[in-house]
N, C-alpha and C. Protein backbone atom coordinates (compact mmCIF):
# COMPACT_ATOMS: atom_id res chain seq x y z
N UNK A 1 49.25 12.48 29.55
CA UNK A 1 49.80 11.33 30.52
C UNK A 1 50.69 12.76 31.73
N UNK A 2 50.37 11.95 32.86
CA UNK A 2 50.34 12.38 33.56
C UNK A 2 51.96 11.61 34.17
N UNK A 3 52.79 12.47 34.62
CA UNK A 3 54.07 12.00 35.02
C UNK A 3 54.68 12.44 36.70
N UNK A 4 54.72 11.85 37.62
CA UNK A 4 55.25 11.95 39.51
C UNK A 4 56.46 11.88 39.28
N UNK A 5 58.03 13.07 39.62
CA UNK A 5 58.70 12.51 39.83
C UNK A 5 59.00 12.73 40.95
N UNK A 6 59.69 11.47 42.37
CA UNK A 6 60.27 12.21 43.80
C UNK A 6 61.66 11.85 43.88
N UNK A 7 61.91 12.70 44.05
CA UNK A 7 63.20 12.77 44.47
C UNK A 7 63.32 12.30 46.11
N UNK A 8 63.90 11.19 46.51
CA UNK A 8 64.21 10.28 48.20
C UNK A 8 65.64 10.42 47.89
N UNK A 9 66.14 11.40 49.17
CA UNK A 9 67.38 11.13 49.93
C UNK A 9 67.44 10.80 51.30
N UNK A 10 67.47 9.38 52.16
CA UNK A 10 67.59 9.31 52.85
C UNK A 10 68.57 8.84 53.41
N UNK A 11 69.51 9.55 55.00
CA UNK A 11 70.72 9.95 55.18
C UNK A 11 70.98 8.76 56.77
N UNK A 12 71.79 8.19 56.74
CA UNK A 12 71.90 7.33 58.02
C UNK A 12 72.66 7.78 58.57
N UNK A 13 72.62 8.37 59.26
CA UNK A 13 73.29 8.71 60.18
C UNK A 13 73.64 7.84 61.57
N UNK A 14 72.84 6.69 61.69
CA UNK A 14 73.32 5.98 62.71
C UNK A 14 72.29 4.32 62.69
N UNK A 15 72.30 3.20 63.72
CA UNK A 15 71.31 2.41 63.74
C UNK A 15 70.24 2.91 64.26
N UNK A 16 69.95 3.89 64.79
CA UNK A 16 69.27 4.35 65.55
C UNK A 16 68.23 5.30 64.87
N UNK A 17 68.89 5.99 64.05
CA UNK A 17 68.70 7.63 62.53
C UNK A 17 67.49 6.14 61.96
N UNK A 18 68.25 5.19 61.89
CA UNK A 18 67.79 4.45 60.49
C UNK A 18 66.61 3.68 61.01
N UNK A 19 66.09 3.83 62.11
CA UNK A 19 64.86 3.68 62.68
C UNK A 19 64.02 4.17 62.91
N UNK A 20 64.41 5.85 62.79
CA UNK A 20 63.05 6.89 63.48
C UNK A 20 63.40 7.27 64.89
N UNK A 21 64.91 6.29 65.40
CA UNK A 21 65.41 7.73 66.67
C UNK A 21 65.35 8.13 66.69
N UNK A 22 65.61 9.07 67.23
CA UNK A 22 66.41 10.23 67.64
C UNK A 22 66.72 10.40 68.85
N UNK A 23 67.91 11.77 69.05
CA UNK A 23 68.56 12.04 70.25
C UNK A 23 67.65 12.84 71.04
N UNK A 24 66.62 13.22 70.83
CA UNK A 24 65.53 13.82 71.21
C UNK A 24 65.76 15.67 71.14
N UNK A 25 65.96 15.53 69.96
CA UNK A 25 65.88 17.01 69.16
C UNK A 25 64.60 16.95 68.65
N UNK A 26 63.78 16.79 68.73
CA UNK A 26 62.50 17.05 67.80
C UNK A 26 61.62 18.44 68.26
N UNK A 27 60.65 19.10 68.29
CA UNK A 27 60.01 19.69 68.76
C UNK A 27 58.82 18.95 69.50
N UNK A 28 58.06 19.40 70.14
CA UNK A 28 56.70 19.01 70.63
C UNK A 28 55.85 18.72 70.38
N UNK A 29 56.01 19.59 68.93
CA UNK A 29 54.55 18.90 68.05
C UNK A 29 54.82 17.86 67.50
N UNK A 30 56.34 17.71 66.95
CA UNK A 30 56.71 16.20 66.40
C UNK A 30 56.43 15.19 67.47
N UNK A 31 56.93 15.84 68.41
CA UNK A 31 56.91 13.93 69.51
C UNK A 31 55.17 13.71 69.76
N UNK A 32 54.31 14.36 69.98
CA UNK A 32 52.92 14.83 70.44
C UNK A 32 51.97 13.64 68.98
N UNK A 33 53.01 14.36 68.28
CA UNK A 33 52.22 13.61 67.10
C UNK A 33 52.76 12.74 66.04
N UNK A 34 53.98 11.86 66.49
CA UNK A 34 54.49 10.56 67.14
C UNK A 34 53.65 9.61 67.31
N UNK A 35 53.35 10.25 68.80
CA UNK A 35 52.73 9.69 69.71
C UNK A 35 51.71 9.17 69.41
N UNK A 36 50.02 10.61 69.31
CA UNK A 36 49.21 10.38 68.66
C UNK A 36 48.71 9.01 67.40
N UNK A 37 50.55 9.73 66.59
CA UNK A 37 49.66 8.43 65.45
C UNK A 37 50.04 7.18 65.73
N UNK A 38 51.20 6.89 67.13
CA UNK A 38 51.52 5.22 67.04
C UNK A 38 49.86 4.96 67.99
N UNK A 39 49.78 5.52 69.09
CA UNK A 39 48.63 5.41 69.67
C UNK A 39 47.35 5.09 68.58
N UNK A 40 47.09 5.50 67.96
CA UNK A 40 46.38 5.02 66.57
C UNK A 40 46.45 3.95 65.75
N UNK A 41 47.58 4.10 65.43
CA UNK A 41 48.24 2.95 64.90
C UNK A 41 47.79 1.51 65.62
N UNK A 42 48.51 1.82 66.73
CA UNK A 42 48.14 0.35 67.90
C UNK A 42 46.80 0.27 68.06
N UNK A 43 45.54 0.99 67.95
CA UNK A 43 44.18 1.35 68.35
C UNK A 43 43.90 0.26 67.46
N UNK A 44 44.01 0.63 65.84
CA UNK A 44 43.66 0.24 64.78
C UNK A 44 44.00 -1.25 64.63
N UNK A 45 45.74 -1.14 65.19
CA UNK A 45 45.89 -3.39 65.04
C UNK A 45 45.13 -3.91 65.24
N UNK A 46 45.06 -3.52 67.07
CA UNK A 46 44.19 -4.50 67.61
C UNK A 46 42.63 -4.30 66.79
N UNK A 47 42.12 -3.08 66.75
CA UNK A 47 40.54 -3.94 65.84
C UNK A 47 41.05 -4.86 64.34
N UNK A 48 41.83 -4.72 64.02
CA UNK A 48 42.00 -5.33 62.85
C UNK A 48 41.91 -7.35 63.07
N UNK A 49 43.37 -6.94 64.62
CA UNK A 49 43.37 -8.50 64.53
C UNK A 49 42.91 -8.44 65.22
N UNK A 50 42.14 -8.42 66.75
CA UNK A 50 41.03 -9.28 67.89
C UNK A 50 39.51 -7.97 67.75
N UNK A 51 39.07 -7.23 66.88
CA UNK A 51 38.37 -6.61 66.84
C UNK A 51 37.94 -6.04 68.06
N UNK A 52 39.33 -5.13 69.13
CA UNK A 52 38.81 -4.92 70.09
C UNK A 52 39.71 -3.26 69.80
N UNK A 53 38.52 -2.27 70.02
CA UNK A 53 38.56 -0.66 69.79
C UNK A 53 38.80 -0.27 71.42
N UNK A 54 39.65 0.29 71.75
CA UNK A 54 40.49 0.75 73.02
C UNK A 54 39.94 1.96 73.23
N UNK A 55 39.83 3.04 72.16
CA UNK A 55 39.04 3.98 72.59
C UNK A 55 37.54 3.67 73.19
N UNK A 56 36.69 2.93 71.60
CA UNK A 56 35.40 3.27 72.05
C UNK A 56 35.10 2.42 73.52
N UNK A 57 36.29 1.22 73.90
CA UNK A 57 36.01 0.32 75.33
C UNK A 57 36.02 1.54 76.55
N UNK A 58 36.99 2.45 76.36
CA UNK A 58 37.51 3.57 77.74
C UNK A 58 36.73 5.02 77.47
N UNK A 59 36.19 5.13 76.29
CA UNK A 59 35.29 6.67 76.11
C UNK A 59 33.88 6.50 76.01
N UNK A 60 33.23 4.85 75.81
CA UNK A 60 32.11 4.82 74.62
C UNK A 60 32.19 4.48 73.80
N UNK A 61 31.13 4.40 72.69
CA UNK A 61 30.65 4.07 71.37
C UNK A 61 30.43 5.85 70.73
N UNK A 62 31.40 6.40 70.16
CA UNK A 62 30.65 7.58 69.61
C UNK A 62 30.76 8.32 70.57
N UNK A 63 31.23 8.64 71.73
CA UNK A 63 31.05 9.89 73.22
C UNK A 63 31.42 10.96 72.46
N UNK A 64 31.05 11.98 73.26
CA UNK A 64 31.74 13.33 72.38
C UNK A 64 33.75 13.43 72.94
N UNK A 65 33.94 12.88 74.27
CA UNK A 65 35.04 12.73 74.08
C UNK A 65 36.25 11.93 73.33
N UNK A 66 34.86 10.57 72.91
CA UNK A 66 36.16 9.45 71.61
C UNK A 66 35.55 10.29 70.56
N UNK A 67 34.71 11.28 70.30
CA UNK A 67 35.31 11.43 69.50
C UNK A 67 36.19 13.12 69.20
N UNK A 68 36.19 13.47 70.04
CA UNK A 68 38.07 14.69 70.28
C UNK A 68 38.90 14.01 69.90
N UNK A 69 39.29 12.39 70.45
CA UNK A 69 40.22 11.36 70.45
C UNK A 69 40.21 11.39 69.19
N UNK A 70 39.24 10.90 68.93
CA UNK A 70 39.82 10.19 67.00
C UNK A 70 39.59 10.76 66.84
N UNK A 71 39.71 12.30 66.74
CA UNK A 71 39.87 13.60 65.99
C UNK A 71 41.20 13.90 65.67
N UNK A 72 41.93 13.88 66.50
CA UNK A 72 43.03 14.32 67.22
C UNK A 72 44.03 13.80 66.78
N UNK A 73 43.99 12.19 66.99
CA UNK A 73 44.23 10.57 66.25
C UNK A 73 44.88 11.31 64.90
N UNK A 74 43.50 11.60 63.82
CA UNK A 74 43.49 11.89 62.84
C UNK A 74 44.32 12.74 62.19
N UNK A 75 44.37 14.44 62.80
CA UNK A 75 44.81 15.27 62.76
C UNK A 75 46.09 15.17 62.81
N UNK A 76 46.47 13.76 63.87
CA UNK A 76 47.79 13.39 64.03
C UNK A 76 48.54 12.23 62.60
N UNK A 77 47.72 11.66 62.50
CA UNK A 77 47.78 11.31 61.05
C UNK A 77 47.75 12.16 60.12
N UNK A 78 47.56 13.22 60.25
CA UNK A 78 47.49 13.95 58.80
C UNK A 78 49.11 14.68 58.45
N UNK A 79 49.43 14.98 59.70
CA UNK A 79 50.10 15.80 59.99
C UNK A 79 51.94 14.60 59.67
N UNK A 80 51.65 13.48 60.74
CA UNK A 80 52.54 12.18 60.15
C UNK A 80 52.70 12.36 58.49
N UNK A 81 51.54 12.12 58.36
CA UNK A 81 52.22 11.90 56.52
C UNK A 81 52.80 13.81 55.64
N UNK A 82 51.99 14.73 55.82
CA UNK A 82 52.17 15.46 55.42
C UNK A 82 53.93 15.81 56.03
N UNK A 83 54.35 14.90 57.09
CA UNK A 83 56.11 15.53 57.47
C UNK A 83 56.82 14.00 56.88
N UNK A 84 56.31 13.07 55.62
CA UNK A 84 56.54 12.38 54.73
C UNK A 84 57.50 13.66 53.39
N UNK A 85 56.90 14.68 53.33
CA UNK A 85 56.82 15.79 52.47
C UNK A 85 57.66 17.64 53.02
N UNK A 86 57.48 17.15 53.39
CA UNK A 86 57.31 18.31 54.07
C UNK A 86 58.45 18.51 55.77
N UNK A 87 59.60 18.86 55.86
CA UNK A 87 60.11 19.13 57.38
C UNK A 87 59.36 19.61 58.35
N UNK A 88 59.53 19.85 59.17
CA UNK A 88 59.45 20.86 60.21
C UNK A 88 60.57 21.30 60.35
N UNK A 89 59.44 22.30 60.41
CA UNK A 89 60.85 23.98 60.80
C UNK A 89 62.08 23.36 62.35
N UNK A 90 61.67 22.30 63.03
CA UNK A 90 62.77 22.25 64.04
C UNK A 90 63.42 21.57 64.00
N UNK A 91 63.52 20.69 62.75
CA UNK A 91 64.51 19.37 61.84
C UNK A 91 66.01 20.34 61.74
N UNK A 92 65.84 21.40 61.37
CA UNK A 92 66.93 22.65 60.97
C UNK A 92 67.75 22.50 59.87
N UNK A 93 67.36 22.31 58.07
CA UNK A 93 68.10 21.78 57.36
C UNK A 93 68.49 20.06 57.46
N UNK A 94 68.32 19.35 58.28
CA UNK A 94 68.50 17.99 59.06
C UNK A 94 67.79 16.92 57.27
N UNK A 95 66.72 18.02 56.77
CA UNK A 95 65.64 17.40 55.53
C UNK A 95 65.84 17.88 54.33
N UNK A 96 66.77 18.71 53.92
CA UNK A 96 67.01 18.92 52.52
C UNK A 96 67.93 18.01 52.01
N UNK A 97 67.74 18.63 50.39
CA UNK A 97 68.55 17.49 49.85
C UNK A 97 69.55 18.36 48.97
N UNK A 98 70.59 18.00 49.07
CA UNK A 98 72.27 18.60 48.43
C UNK A 98 72.08 18.78 46.93
N UNK A 99 72.19 19.55 46.04
CA UNK A 99 71.70 19.13 45.23
C UNK A 99 73.36 19.40 44.40
């Protein structure tokens, strides 16, 4: 039997921090990843609700630039998922758990 054990520690410093809004101390990579992941989420929301793919409408159906955009958004999504289990070095200890 496989067992997985996760330790979750959520530190809420303020109402803004609870909702993921920080004071701008994230590194440029974290900001770009968040922006691209958000754009990708909005695009998939439009596809699911209205059947509208903005990337396809702006750049054409699977053209070279569209593939680049989809690839960058996919990489940003992977990095965003990775940030759930591994802290970015720009956080400087805010993700560490106390023992």
